Amino acid sequence: MFICGKFHSRRRDYLQKHIRKTHSNVHVFYAEDAWNHVRHLPLSALQMESYLAKIADMVIIIVESVGTAAELGAFALNDDLRGKIFAVVDEEYKDDESFINTGPLRWLTTDSRFKPAFVQFEPMFEVVAELDQRLELLKPPFRMRSRQTVTRTPRAREKHLMYLLCHIASMIGPADASDFSYVISKILADVDDWQLNSLLGLATSLELTTCRGTGGEAKYSRNRASGRALGTKIGVNANRERARVLDAVIATNSDTWRERIAELK
């Protein structure tokens, strides 16, 4: 779940704590946490946010600043995002004939499964109540969940690629982005640097991995202290050759895994 709010937003932090307390199976992340891991690459913040938002099941936008109003407009224009945006707006502006109301919010009213909410920002009780109603919509019927395949959609593939990176971090960490890129290229295919760094940043934001250093010098390890579990089923085609690569990584230590992979015929 992706939550957008102004920088150092108290309201956003409040919602994050509420979600983690009442929905422990829901992972919540902020864009700026991931941005710190890709800012050294030729990628705009909007490109990164749009990519991460596509992975999320729900995008919460607390419209409380110029920046969040811009995010609302940009995301609403995206056909892949519009259907999963939950916009929270101060009820003070409910009857305004503003572009925000007649443009993106009206569009979300018809296209988003979560619908916008005009509520009192202070105190946060109304916001939380509206959020809890929307969170119930994230729970599909059991028979639907049981038939889903992990690689059917691009969103699912990106999620499982992130979890695969976390498993690799468990095996070879601390490792930098080039190490992950090398292993992934032997298992799946080449992954763009910005995509790889975005997913590593997302994993760190979700407390699945830890990071030391910044930019190209960052090294990632599995965050075992967080207590957050990783799925045991990874949605990739692990044929025999790819499985051999993973076996080589598992069987060696962080100093010799690259040599073992290179030796495979």
C-alpha atoms as a PDB file:
ATOM      1  CA  MET A   1       0.000   0.000   0.000  1.00  0.00           C
ATOM      2  CA  PHE A   2       1.387   3.353  -1.117  1.00  0.00           C
ATOM      3  CA  ILE A   3       0.558   6.414   1.035  1.00  0.00           C
ATOM      4  CA  CYS A   4       1.136   9.925  -0.323  1.00  0.00           C
ATOM      5  CA  GLY A   5       1.118  12.994   1.893  1.00  0.00           C
ATOM      6  CA  LYS A   6       3.128  16.135   2.304  1.00  0.00           C
ATOM      7  CA  PHE A   7       6.714  15.749   3.491  1.00  0.00           C
ATOM      8  CA  HIS A   8       6.806  14.769   7.175  1.00  0.00           C
ATOM      9  CA  SER A   9       3.019  14.554   7.187  1.00  0.00           C
ATOM     10  CA  ARG A  10       1.653  13.814  10.649  1.00  0.00           C
ATOM     11  CA  ARG A  11      -1.601  12.555   9.106  1.00  0.00           C
ATOM     12  CA  ARG A  12       0.230  10.126   6.858  1.00  0.00           C
ATOM     13  CA  ASP A  13       2.261   8.773   9.775  1.00  0.00           C
ATOM     14  CA  TYR A  14      -0.947   8.347  11.775  1.00  0.00           C
ATOM     15  CA  LEU A  15      -2.553   6.268   9.012  1.00  0.00           C
ATOM     16  CA  GLN A  16       0.582   4.169   8.593  1.00  0.00           C
ATOM     17  CA  LYS A  17       0.628   3.308  12.298  1.00  0.00           C
ATOM     18  CA  HIS A  18      -3.087   2.491  12.231  1.00  0.00           C
ATOM     19  CA  ILE A  19      -2.719   0.159   9.237  1.00  0.00           C
ATOM     20  CA  ARG A  20       0.264  -1.653  10.722  1.00  0.00           C
ATOM     21  CA  LYS A  21      -1.582  -2.087  14.013  1.00  0.00           C
ATOM     22  CA  THR A  22      -4.917  -3.299  12.620  1.00  0.00           C
ATOM     23  CA  HIS A  23      -3.829  -4.941   9.338  1.00  0.00           C
ATOM     24  CA  SER A  24      -0.469  -6.549  10.036  1.00  0.00           C
ATOM     25  CA  ASN A  25      -0.523  -8.370   6.687  1.00  0.00           C
ATOM     26  CA  VAL A  26      -0.552  -5.071   4.768  1.00  0.00           C
ATOM     27  CA  HIS A  27       2.802  -3.564   3.801  1.00  0.00           C
ATOM     28  CA  VAL A  28       2.891   0.250   3.745  1.00  0.00           C
ATOM     29  CA  PHE A  29       5.533   2.402   2.083  1.00  0.00           C
ATOM     30  CA  TYR A  30       6.434   6.022   1.373  1.00  0.00           C
ATOM     31  CA  ALA A  31       7.840   7.207  -1.948  1.00  0.00           C
ATOM     32  CA  GLU A  32      10.689   9.226  -0.452  1.00  0.00           C
ATOM     33  CA  ASP A  33      12.108   6.114   1.245  1.00  0.00           C
ATOM     34  CA  ALA A  34      12.492   4.437  -2.142  1.00  0.00           C
ATOM     35  CA  TRP A  35      13.602   7.672  -3.826  1.00  0.00           C
ATOM     36  CA  ASN A  36      16.745   7.771  -1.700  1.00  0.00           C
ATOM     37  CA  HIS A  37      17.862   4.592  -3.493  1.00  0.00           C
ATOM     38  CA  VAL A  38      17.305   5.799  -7.059  1.00  0.00           C
ATOM     39  CA  ARG A  39      18.049   9.521  -6.900  1.00  0.00           C
ATOM     40  CA  HIS A  40      21.524   8.909  -8.362  1.00  0.00           C
ATOM     41  CA  LEU A  41      19.959   7.470 -11.541  1.00  0.00           C
ATOM     42  CA  PRO A  42      18.526   9.427 -14.529  1.00  0.00           C
ATOM     43  CA  LEU A  43      14.957   8.935 -13.301  1.00  0.00           C
ATOM     44  CA  SER A  44      12.407  11.535 -12.226  1.00  0.00           C
ATOM     45  CA  ALA A  45      10.558  11.287  -8.924  1.00  0.00           C
ATOM     46  CA  LEU A  46       7.253  11.099 -10.798  1.00  0.00           C
ATOM     47  CA  GLN A  47       8.462   8.173 -12.914  1.00  0.00           C
ATOM     48  CA  MET A  48       9.539   6.282  -9.812  1.00  0.00           C
ATOM     49  CA  GLU A  49       6.318   7.040  -7.934  1.00  0.00           C
ATOM     50  CA  SER A  50       4.200   5.938 -10.888  1.00  0.00           C
ATOM     51  CA  TYR A  51       6.147   2.669 -11.130  1.00  0.00           C
ATOM     52  CA  LEU A  52       5.793   1.903  -7.418  1.00  0.00           C
ATOM     53  CA  ALA A  53       2.133   2.918  -7.431  1.00  0.00           C
ATOM     54  CA  LYS A  54       1.465   0.348 -10.159  1.00  0.00           C
ATOM     55  CA  ILE A  55       2.803  -2.373  -7.853  1.00  0.00           C
ATOM     56  CA  ALA A  56       0.571  -1.318  -4.955  1.00  0.00           C
ATOM     57  CA  ASP A  57      -2.937  -2.690  -4.449  1.00  0.00           C
ATOM     58  CA  MET A  58      -4.113   0.662  -3.129  1.00  0.00           C
ATOM     59  CA  VAL A  59      -2.789   4.226  -3.384  1.00  0.00           C
ATOM     60  CA  ILE A  60      -3.839   6.603  -0.611  1.00  0.00           C
ATOM     61  CA  ILE A  61      -3.411  10.304  -1.347  1.00  0.00           C
ATOM     62  CA  ILE A  62      -3.998  12.736   1.526  1.00  0.00           C
ATOM     63  CA  VAL A  63      -4.643  15.935  -0.402  1.00  0.00           C
ATOM     64  CA  GLU A  64      -3.072  18.396   2.033  1.00  0.00           C
ATOM     65  CA  SER A  65      -0.488  20.340   0.013  1.00  0.00           C
ATOM     66  CA  VAL A  66       0.372  21.593  -3.453  1.00  0.00           C
ATOM     67  CA  GLY A  67       2.569  18.538  -3.990  1.00  0.00           C
ATOM     68  CA  THR A  68      -0.141  16.022  -3.090  1.00  0.00           C
ATOM     69  CA  ALA A  69      -2.650  17.858  -5.297  1.00  0.00           C
ATOM     70  CA  ALA A  70      -0.149  17.479  -8.158  1.00  0.00           C
ATOM     71  CA  GLU A  71       0.228  13.765  -7.375  1.00  0.00           C
ATOM     72  CA  LEU A  72      -3.545  13.376  -7.410  1.00  0.00           C
ATOM     73  CA  GLY A  73      -3.787  14.928 -10.847  1.00  0.00           C
ATOM     74  CA  ALA A  74      -0.853  12.971 -12.305  1.00  0.00           C
ATOM     75  CA  PHE A  75      -1.997   9.613 -10.925  1.00  0.00           C
ATOM     76  CA  ALA A  76      -5.626  10.156 -11.950  1.00  0.00           C
ATOM     77  CA  LEU A  77      -4.465  10.575 -15.556  1.00  0.00           C
ATOM     78  CA  ASN A  78      -2.849   7.121 -15.460  1.00  0.00           C
ATOM     79  CA  ASP A  79      -5.238   4.379 -16.564  1.00  0.00           C
ATOM     80  CA  ASP A  80      -3.306   1.771 -14.540  1.00  0.00           C
ATOM     81  CA  LEU A  81      -3.617   3.777 -11.303  1.00  0.00           C
ATOM     82  CA  ARG A  82      -6.950   5.538 -11.397  1.00  0.00           C
ATOM     83  CA  GLY A  83      -8.979   2.522 -10.336  1.00  0.00           C
ATOM     84  CA  LYS A  84      -7.100   2.015  -7.057  1.00  0.00           C
ATOM     85  CA  ILE A  85      -6.680   5.556  -5.738  1.00  0.00           C
ATOM     86  CA  PHE A  86      -8.266   6.530  -2.424  1.00  0.00           C
ATOM     87  CA  ALA A  87      -8.183  10.324  -2.150  1.00  0.00           C
ATOM     88  CA  VAL A  88      -8.752  11.918   1.267  1.00  0.00           C
ATOM     89  CA  VAL A  89      -9.820  15.559   1.076  1.00  0.00           C
ATOM     90  CA  ASP A  90     -10.684  18.111   3.759  1.00  0.00           C
ATOM     91  CA  GLU A  91     -14.480  18.481   3.847  1.00  0.00           C
ATOM     92  CA  GLU A  92     -13.988  22.255   3.957  1.00  0.00           C
ATOM     93  CA  TYR A  93     -13.508  22.106   0.176  1.00  0.00           C
ATOM     94  CA  LYS A  94     -16.330  19.682  -0.633  1.00  0.00           C
ATOM     95  CA  ASP A  95     -18.588  22.230  -2.345  1.00  0.00           C
ATOM     96  CA  ASP A  96     -15.874  24.182  -4.131  1.00  0.00           C
ATOM     97  CA  GLU A  97     -16.110  24.350  -7.925  1.00  0.00           C
ATOM     98  CA  SER A  98     -12.356  23.852  -8.133  1.00  0.00           C
ATOM     99  CA  PHE A  99     -10.459  21.943 -10.804  1.00  0.00           C
ATOM    100  CA  ILE A 100      -9.470  19.351  -8.192  1.00  0.00           C
ATOM    101  CA  ASN A 101     -13.143  18.636  -7.450  1.00  0.00           C
ATOM    102  CA  THR A 102     -14.483  18.782 -10.996  1.00  0.00           C
ATOM    103  CA  GLY A 103     -11.447  17.094 -12.537  1.00  0.00           C
ATOM    104  CA  PRO A 104      -9.521  14.265 -10.852  1.00  0.00           C
ATOM    105  CA  LEU A 105     -11.887  13.764  -7.885  1.00  0.00           C
ATOM    106  CA  ARG A 106     -14.957  13.503 -10.118  1.00  0.00           C
ATOM    107  CA  TRP A 107     -13.042  11.050 -12.302  1.00  0.00           C
ATOM    108  CA  LEU A 108     -12.126   8.935  -9.273  1.00  0.00           C
ATOM    109  CA  THR A 109     -15.757   8.931  -8.133  1.00  0.00           C
ATOM    110  CA  THR A 110     -16.676   7.022 -11.271  1.00  0.00           C
ATOM    111  CA  ASP A 111     -13.520   4.985 -11.934  1.00  0.00           C
ATOM    112  CA  SER A 112     -11.919   4.141  -8.568  1.00  0.00           C
ATOM    113  CA  ARG A 113     -13.209   1.227  -6.551  1.00  0.00           C
ATOM    114  CA  PHE A 114     -12.283   3.159  -3.389  1.00  0.00           C
ATOM    115  CA  LYS A 115     -14.034   6.476  -4.156  1.00  0.00           C
ATOM    116  CA  PRO A 116     -12.803   9.784  -2.688  1.00  0.00           C
ATOM    117  CA  ALA A 117     -13.733  10.826   0.852  1.00  0.00           C
ATOM    118  CA  PHE A 118     -14.381  14.378   2.079  1.00  0.00           C
ATOM    119  CA  VAL A 119     -13.796  14.263   5.823  1.00  0.00           C
ATOM    120  CA  GLN A 120     -12.702  16.314   8.794  1.00  0.00           C
ATOM    121  CA  PHE A 121      -8.926  16.206   8.992  1.00  0.00           C
ATOM    122  CA  GLU A 122      -8.924  16.968  12.705  1.00  0.00           C
ATOM    123  CA  PRO A 123      -9.356  14.765  14.597  1.00  0.00           C
ATOM    124  CA  MET A 124      -8.445  11.781  12.411  1.00  0.00           C
ATOM    125  CA  PHE A 125     -11.326   9.513  13.465  1.00  0.00           C
ATOM    126  CA  GLU A 126     -13.346  10.121  10.295  1.00  0.00           C
ATOM    127  CA  VAL A 127     -10.332   9.512   8.095  1.00  0.00           C
ATOM    128  CA  VAL A 128      -9.607   6.205   9.831  1.00  0.00           C
ATOM    129  CA  ALA A 129     -13.246   5.101   9.571  1.00  0.00           C
ATOM    130  CA  GLU A 130     -13.319   5.810   5.833  1.00  0.00           C
ATOM    131  CA  LEU A 131      -9.991   4.022   5.359  1.00  0.00           C
ATOM    132  CA  ASP A 132     -11.153   0.907   7.212  1.00  0.00           C
ATOM    133  CA  GLN A 133     -14.170   0.658   4.905  1.00  0.00           C
ATOM    134  CA  ARG A 134     -11.900   0.733   1.870  1.00  0.00           C
ATOM    135  CA  LEU A 135      -9.493  -1.808   3.313  1.00  0.00           C
ATOM    136  CA  GLU A 136     -12.322  -4.336   3.403  1.00  0.00           C
ATOM    137  CA  LEU A 137     -12.507  -4.056  -0.382  1.00  0.00           C
ATOM    138  CA  LEU A 138      -8.980  -5.465  -0.638  1.00  0.00           C
ATOM    139  CA  LYS A 139     -10.150  -8.874   0.572  1.00  0.00           C
ATOM    140  CA  PRO A 140     -11.302 -10.950  -2.443  1.00  0.00           C
ATOM    141  CA  PRO A 141     -13.465 -14.060  -1.950  1.00  0.00           C
ATOM    142  CA  PHE A 142     -11.504 -17.179  -1.001  1.00  0.00           C
ATOM    143  CA  ARG A 143     -12.222 -18.968  -4.247  1.00  0.00           C
ATOM    144  CA  MET A 144     -10.846 -16.020  -6.183  1.00  0.00           C
ATOM    145  CA  ARG A 145      -7.646 -15.967  -4.121  1.00  0.00           C
ATOM    146  CA  SER A 146      -7.117 -19.702  -4.555  1.00  0.00           C
ATOM    147  CA  ARG A 147      -7.262 -19.445  -8.348  1.00  0.00           C
ATOM    148  CA  GLN A 148      -4.951 -16.511  -8.748  1.00  0.00           C
ATOM    149  CA  THR A 149      -1.565 -17.149 -10.329  1.00  0.00           C
ATOM    150  CA  VAL A 150       1.431 -15.233  -9.113  1.00  0.00           C
ATOM    151  CA  THR A 151       2.659 -14.174 -12.551  1.00  0.00           C
ATOM    152  CA  ARG A 152      -0.618 -13.440 -14.335  1.00  0.00           C
ATOM    153  CA  THR A 153      -0.265  -9.648 -14.199  1.00  0.00           C
ATOM    154  CA  PRO A 154       2.730  -7.276 -14.459  1.00  0.00           C
ATOM    155  CA  ARG A 155       1.917  -6.041 -10.926  1.00  0.00           C
ATOM    156  CA  ALA A 156       2.214  -9.583  -9.556  1.00  0.00           C
ATOM    157  CA  ARG A 157       5.489 -10.163 -11.404  1.00  0.00           C
ATOM    158  CA  GLU A 158       6.990  -6.973  -9.974  1.00  0.00           C
ATOM    159  CA  LYS A 159       5.955  -7.926  -6.450  1.00  0.00           C
ATOM    160  CA  HIS A 160       7.476 -11.371  -6.719  1.00  0.00           C
ATOM    161  CA  LEU A 161      10.626  -9.959  -8.263  1.00  0.00           C
ATOM    162  CA  MET A 162      10.960  -7.793  -5.150  1.00  0.00           C
ATOM    163  CA  TYR A 163      10.534 -10.837  -2.898  1.00  0.00           C
ATOM    164  CA  LEU A 164      13.073 -12.738  -4.982  1.00  0.00           C
ATOM    165  CA  LEU A 165      15.545  -9.884  -4.434  1.00  0.00           C
ATOM    166  CA  CYS A 166      14.920 -10.197  -0.693  1.00  0.00           C
ATOM    167  CA  HIS A 167      15.676 -13.928  -0.819  1.00  0.00           C
ATOM    168  CA  ILE A 168      18.872 -13.209  -2.752  1.00  0.00           C
ATOM    169  CA  ALA A 169      19.795 -10.616  -0.113  1.00  0.00           C
ATOM    170  CA  SER A 170      19.471 -13.382   2.472  1.00  0.00           C
ATOM    171  CA  MET A 171      22.000 -15.450   0.550  1.00  0.00           C
ATOM    172  CA  ILE A 172      24.650 -12.969  -0.599  1.00  0.00           C
ATOM    173  CA  GLY A 173      24.096  -9.807   1.459  1.00  0.00           C
ATOM    174  CA  PRO A 174      25.536  -7.342   2.065  1.00  0.00           C
ATOM    175  CA  ALA A 175      25.544  -6.836  -1.701  1.00  0.00           C
ATOM    176  CA  ASP A 176      25.255  -3.860  -4.029  1.00  0.00           C
ATOM    177  CA  ALA A 177      22.878  -3.376  -6.954  1.00  0.00           C
ATOM    178  CA  SER A 178      25.370  -4.789  -9.456  1.00  0.00           C
ATOM    179  CA  ASP A 179      25.510  -8.046  -7.474  1.00  0.00           C
ATOM    180  CA  PHE A 180      21.729  -8.375  -7.532  1.00  0.00           C
ATOM    181  CA  SER A 181      21.680  -7.518 -11.229  1.00  0.00           C
ATOM    182  CA  TYR A 182      24.218 -10.249 -11.957  1.00  0.00           C
ATOM    183  CA  VAL A 183      22.266 -12.949 -10.114  1.00  0.00           C
ATOM    184  CA  ILE A 184      18.910 -11.863 -11.541  1.00  0.00           C
ATOM    185  CA  SER A 185      20.319 -11.904 -15.079  1.00  0.00           C
ATOM    186  CA  LYS A 186      21.286 -15.557 -14.577  1.00  0.00           C
ATOM    187  CA  ILE A 187      17.846 -16.505 -13.229  1.00  0.00           C
ATOM    188  CA  LEU A 188      15.435 -14.407 -15.298  1.00  0.00           C
ATOM    189  CA  ALA A 189      16.779 -11.752 -17.624  1.00  0.00           C
ATOM    190  CA  ASP A 190      18.400  -8.363 -17.427  1.00  0.00           C
ATOM    191  CA  VAL A 191      16.473  -5.857 -15.287  1.00  0.00           C
ATOM    192  CA  ASP A 192      16.835  -2.104 -15.800  1.00  0.00           C
ATOM    193  CA  ASP A 193      18.968  -0.361 -13.185  1.00  0.00           C
ATOM    194  CA  TRP A 194      16.167   2.018 -12.210  1.00  0.00           C
ATOM    195  CA  GLN A 195      13.736  -0.872 -11.801  1.00  0.00           C
ATOM    196  CA  LEU A 196      16.165  -2.907  -9.698  1.00  0.00           C
ATOM    197  CA  ASN A 197      17.053   0.051  -7.472  1.00  0.00           C
ATOM    198  CA  SER A 198      13.388   1.008  -7.099  1.00  0.00           C
ATOM    199  CA  LEU A 199      12.492  -2.493  -5.918  1.00  0.00           C
ATOM    200  CA  LEU A 200      15.459  -2.633  -3.535  1.00  0.00           C
ATOM    201  CA  GLY A 201      14.423   0.757  -2.167  1.00  0.00           C
ATOM    202  CA  LEU A 202      10.846  -0.472  -1.811  1.00  0.00           C
ATOM    203  CA  ALA A 203      12.006  -3.580   0.060  1.00  0.00           C
ATOM    204  CA  THR A 204      14.015  -1.383   2.424  1.00  0.00           C
ATOM    205  CA  SER A 205      11.038   0.937   2.937  1.00  0.00           C
ATOM    206  CA  LEU A 206       8.946  -2.121   3.840  1.00  0.00           C
ATOM    207  CA  GLU A 207      11.666  -3.196   6.311  1.00  0.00           C
ATOM    208  CA  LEU A 208      12.289  -6.411   4.379  1.00  0.00           C
ATOM    209  CA  THR A 209      15.904  -5.435   3.733  1.00  0.00           C
ATOM    210  CA  THR A 210      18.414  -3.110   5.332  1.00  0.00           C
ATOM    211  CA  CYS A 211      20.724  -0.741   3.503  1.00  0.00           C
ATOM    212  CA  ARG A 212      24.135   0.675   4.318  1.00  0.00           C
ATOM    213  CA  GLY A 213      25.560   3.465   2.217  1.00  0.00           C
ATOM    214  CA  THR A 214      23.895   5.603  -0.418  1.00  0.00           C
ATOM    215  CA  GLY A 215      23.627   5.797  -4.187  1.00  0.00           C
ATOM    216  CA  GLY A 216      25.814   3.391  -6.111  1.00  0.00           C
ATOM    217  CA  GLU A 217      27.667   2.492  -2.906  1.00  0.00           C
ATOM    218  CA  ALA A 218      24.563   1.124  -1.142  1.00  0.00           C
ATOM    219  CA  LYS A 219      24.728  -2.468   0.084  1.00  0.00           C
ATOM    220  CA  TYR A 220      21.622  -4.466   0.982  1.00  0.00           C
ATOM    221  CA  SER A 221      21.042  -7.319   3.404  1.00  0.00           C
ATOM    222  CA  ARG A 222      17.983  -9.190   4.595  1.00  0.00           C
ATOM    223  CA  ASN A 223      16.357  -7.446   7.573  1.00  0.00           C
ATOM    224  CA  ARG A 224      15.924 -10.347   9.959  1.00  0.00           C
ATOM    225  CA  ALA A 225      15.281  -8.087  12.941  1.00  0.00           C
ATOM    226  CA  SER A 226      11.999  -6.759  11.548  1.00  0.00           C
ATOM    227  CA  GLY A 227      10.203 -10.085  11.925  1.00  0.00           C
ATOM    228  CA  ARG A 228       8.529  -9.615   8.525  1.00  0.00           C
ATOM    229  CA  ALA A 229       8.226 -12.926   6.727  1.00  0.00           C
ATOM    230  CA  LEU A 230       8.892 -13.523   3.046  1.00  0.00           C
ATOM    231  CA  GLY A 231       6.701 -15.728   0.909  1.00  0.00           C
ATOM    232  CA  THR A 232       8.113 -19.166   0.186  1.00  0.00           C
ATOM    233  CA  LYS A 233       6.624 -19.288  -3.314  1.00  0.00           C
ATOM    234  CA  ILE A 234       8.281 -16.998  -5.827  1.00  0.00           C
ATOM    235  CA  GLY A 235       6.419 -16.392  -9.055  1.00  0.00           C
ATOM    236  CA  VAL A 236       9.240 -17.020 -11.507  1.00  0.00           C
ATOM    237  CA  ASN A 237       9.894 -19.825 -13.925  1.00  0.00           C
ATOM    238  CA  ALA A 238      12.596 -21.695 -12.019  1.00  0.00           C
ATOM    239  CA  ASN A 239      13.693 -24.165 -14.676  1.00  0.00           C
ATOM    240  CA  ARG A 240      16.671 -26.423 -14.132  1.00  0.00           C
ATOM    241  CA  GLU A 241      19.317 -23.944 -15.282  1.00  0.00           C
ATOM    242  CA  ARG A 242      17.899 -21.138 -13.131  1.00  0.00           C
ATOM    243  CA  ALA A 243      17.584 -23.464 -10.166  1.00  0.00           C
ATOM    244  CA  ARG A 244      21.265 -24.379 -10.542  1.00  0.00           C
ATOM    245  CA  VAL A 245      22.167 -20.696 -10.255  1.00  0.00           C
ATOM    246  CA  LEU A 246      20.193 -20.346  -7.032  1.00  0.00           C
ATOM    247  CA  ASP A 247      21.729 -23.578  -5.709  1.00  0.00           C
ATOM    248  CA  ALA A 248      25.195 -22.184  -6.407  1.00  0.00           C
ATOM    249  CA  VAL A 249      24.351 -19.004  -4.510  1.00  0.00           C
ATOM    250  CA  ILE A 250      22.877 -20.907  -1.565  1.00  0.00           C
ATOM    251  CA  ALA A 251      25.822 -23.279  -1.324  1.00  0.00           C
ATOM    252  CA  THR A 252      28.498 -20.608  -1.116  1.00  0.00           C
ATOM    253  CA  ASN A 253      29.350 -17.619   1.005  1.00  0.00           C
ATOM    254  CA  SER A 254      29.264 -13.964   0.048  1.00  0.00           C
ATOM    255  CA  ASP A 255      32.888 -14.049  -1.145  1.00  0.00           C
ATOM    256  CA  THR A 256      32.689 -16.912  -3.654  1.00  0.00           C
ATOM    257  CA  TRP A 257      29.130 -17.060  -5.009  1.00  0.00           C
ATOM    258  CA  ARG A 258      29.982 -15.120  -8.192  1.00  0.00           C
ATOM    259  CA  GLU A 259      32.805 -17.508  -9.063  1.00  0.00           C
ATOM    260  CA  ARG A 260      30.530 -20.505  -8.508  1.00  0.00           C
ATOM    261  CA  ILE A 261      27.912 -19.112 -10.874  1.00  0.00           C
ATOM    262  CA  ALA A 262      30.576 -18.361 -13.522  1.00  0.00           C
ATOM    263  CA  GLU A 263      31.736 -21.993 -13.342  1.00  0.00           C
ATOM    264  CA  LEU A 264      28.315 -23.377 -14.278  1.00  0.00           C
ATOM    265  CA  LYS A 265      28.181 -24.899 -17.755  1.00  0.00           C
END
